[in-house]
């Protein structure tokens, strides 16, 4: 199974990727970034590290997740903070 990184083509306009697309800098809570691999079933393990900021929303979204102007009450995403 391939490692999942952040997808350059599936990120909000204010999201900056670095470290071979393993690090995402998201300066505001209305931007999203999706991973390179999609999954439809099974168990997955992810590790996240939050460096700074006052709020981090981490969740799972489908291919229809808006990347800019995100509404976290959307039916496309489930997130936790």
Protein backbone atom coordinates (compact mmCIF):
# COMPACT_ATOMS: atom_id res chain seq x y z
CA UNK A 1 0.00 0.00 0.00
CA UNK A 2 1.35 3.41 -0.96
CA UNK A 3 1.93 6.11 1.64
CA UNK A 4 -0.66 8.85 1.63
CA UNK A 5 0.54 12.43 1.31
CA UNK A 6 -1.33 15.69 0.76
CA UNK A 7 -2.62 16.10 -2.80
CA UNK A 8 -1.31 19.22 -4.59
CA UNK A 9 -4.35 19.20 -6.90
CA UNK A 10 -6.85 18.94 -4.03
CA UNK A 11 -6.03 21.82 -1.70
CA UNK A 12 -7.51 25.20 -0.89
CA UNK A 13 -5.88 28.29 -2.35
CA UNK A 14 -4.41 29.37 1.01
CA UNK A 15 -2.90 25.94 1.82
CA UNK A 16 0.87 25.56 1.43
CA UNK A 17 2.43 22.11 1.10
CA UNK A 18 6.05 21.26 1.94
CA UNK A 19 8.25 18.37 3.07
CA UNK A 20 7.43 16.26 -0.03
CA UNK A 21 3.71 17.02 0.49
CA UNK A 22 3.77 15.52 3.99
CA UNK A 23 3.30 18.91 5.70
CA UNK A 24 0.32 21.21 5.15
CA UNK A 25 0.20 24.78 6.45
CA UNK A 26 -3.40 25.96 6.67
CA UNK A 27 -3.54 29.62 7.76
CA UNK A 28 -7.30 29.77 8.27
CA UNK A 29 -10.16 27.44 9.08
CA UNK A 30 -11.94 27.90 5.77
CA UNK A 31 -9.46 25.89 3.68
CA UNK A 32 -9.04 22.15 3.29
CA UNK A 33 -6.56 19.72 1.81
CA UNK A 34 -7.23 16.10 0.85
CA UNK A 35 -4.88 13.15 0.72
CA UNK A 36 -3.58 11.41 -2.37
CA UNK A 37 -5.26 8.08 -1.63
CA UNK A 38 -8.98 7.54 -1.35
CA UNK A 39 -10.54 4.72 0.63
CA UNK A 40 -14.06 3.31 0.50
CA UNK A 41 -13.80 0.66 3.22
CA UNK A 42 -11.53 -0.79 5.87
CA UNK A 43 -9.61 0.54 8.83
CA UNK A 44 -6.96 3.23 8.45
CA UNK A 45 -4.39 4.71 10.82
CA UNK A 46 -3.26 8.32 10.46
CA UNK A 47 -0.83 10.40 12.48
CA UNK A 48 -1.27 14.17 12.70
CA UNK A 49 0.87 16.75 14.45
CA UNK A 50 -0.44 20.26 15.07
CA UNK A 51 2.45 22.72 15.32
CA UNK A 52 0.65 25.93 16.16
CA UNK A 53 -2.65 27.73 15.98
CA UNK A 54 -5.71 28.04 18.10
CA UNK A 55 -8.00 25.60 16.30
CA UNK A 56 -7.31 22.48 14.28
CA UNK A 57 -10.11 20.64 12.57
CA UNK A 58 -9.03 17.19 11.51
CA UNK A 59 -11.43 14.92 9.71
CA UNK A 60 -12.40 12.78 6.81
CA UNK A 61 -13.99 14.15 3.66
CA UNK A 62 -15.17 12.73 0.39
CA UNK A 63 -14.25 13.83 -3.13
CA UNK A 64 -16.95 16.54 -3.01
CA UNK A 65 -15.43 18.28 0.03
CA UNK A 66 -15.12 22.01 -0.74
CA UNK A 67 -11.51 23.16 -0.59
CA UNK A 68 -12.23 26.87 -0.03
CA UNK A 69 -14.96 28.43 2.11
CA UNK A 70 -15.49 25.14 3.94
CA UNK A 71 -18.60 24.64 6.03
CA UNK A 72 -17.87 22.12 8.75
CA UNK A 73 -21.54 21.25 9.01
CA UNK A 74 -21.39 19.96 5.43
CA UNK A 75 -22.53 16.46 4.55
CA UNK A 76 -19.19 16.00 2.75
CA UNK A 77 -16.93 16.07 5.80
CA UNK A 78 -16.75 14.86 9.39
CA UNK A 79 -14.25 16.76 11.50
CA UNK A 80 -13.20 17.04 15.12
CA UNK A 81 -11.27 19.62 17.10
